[in-house]
Amino acid sequence: MIIVHIVEPFAGGIAVFVKSLTESMPDDLHIVVHGERKEEIPADLVKKNFPRRNVRFIRWRSAQRSIDVLKDLFAFAELYKILKRLKAKNLVDAVHLHSSKSGLLGRAACRMVGIQNVFYTPNGASFLSAKNKVTRYLYCQLEKLGSRFGGNVVCCSPSELQQYVNLGIKADYINNGINVKDKPAGHVGVRDGKFRIVTSGRIEKQKNPELFNTIASYFQDMPGIEFIWIGEGSGKNLFTSGNITVTGWLDNKGVHDYVAGSHIYLSTSDYEGMSFAALEALALNKPVLMRECTGNIDVVKQGLNGDLFKNASEAIIKILQYQNNPEMLDIMGGFSAEICRKEFDMKENFKTYRELYAGSILKAGGNGAKWSLG
């Protein structure tokens, strides 16, 4: 089977998501039509993490992040030509669209080309990022417009699904997942005795680096507590607290080592689809302290493997509790690993996508029913 993936933000969690799909279906050919965000990470570096045997890449040169009617028309025209060419060569069995921009332009292009086996995973719906009613209304209308072009919306978490149901858009969900088999347990490095709080991802508005800085600044006068942000981005200038370390982008081993050497995984995001970085933290036996938002609420079992918070004060109180009760960390970390094995195993969850592509369980519109895992 040949699956065409269309992805504009070829970086961060969405790139991990597409990579995981290609790894979980090694006997199928995956053609990745991608944009590039050089200011975050060059596409060539992202490609190096993908399997070589069953993945091919096509550059979507005119794709760009912001909404610009003229540029988006060029991006649509280019995508239409790519899909038309692939269909003419019988190189399309299913199309999977990743992110809001790809979802809108891709569904329109697929309809014009005559491709019907189309799936769209938002991985963090754009309308959740809106800071005012006008912007939110615009993004909601664009999502509704996209749904009229056809295709099946497949969210990556139950709470993301609920957001689409609330809009009146038919959808279903498959939980994101990671490879949890033989995942080594995380061991905290205690040579210097520091208590470490870590997060991972792009330092951008969605991740709310300002809130991260506010939480960290409370502990500035406590040299035994350190905050680490794995990643890079335009919001780096918001970090004014002296106890924050920004590592920049790291390879998989580097990320693993930092998370494994931490005590708590912290998320200050305004919204998520479902964070792969958080799932990795679960697999590494880490308690998770996460802002209460879409996506995050599906990862935390309150008081069991971590906690949710609504503001900086609540997060600070929880960090102090964790630091003063270190025995909690091992217990909660054990629950994290168990929850990850049961709910977020990539091999179990992502095999459903192949069934979906093949049409064996094509029933989008269940509004709340998880895809059957057989």
Foldseek 3Di string as FASTA:
>chain_A
DFEEEEEEDCDAPLVVQVQLLCVLCVVYAYEYEYEADVVFPGNVVSVVSHDDPRYHYDYQHLRDDDDDPVSLVVSLVSVLVVVLVCVVVVRHLAYEYEALSSLLSVLQSCLVSVNARYEYEHFWQPLLLDPDDVSSVVSLVSVVNSVVSHHAYEFQFLLVLVVCVVSVRFYAYFHAADALPPLDAFAADCPVPAAEEEEETELDVQQPVLQVLVLLQVCLVPVRYAYEYEAYYDNPVSNPRPRYHYDHHDPPVVLLNVLSNHAEYETEGSEGSAHPSLLSSLSNLHQYEYEPYYNVVRLDPDPQLYHYDPGSVVVNVRVVVCVVCVVSRNRSSVVSNVCNVVRHNSNQRSVVVVCSSVPVQVDTRPSRDHGDSD
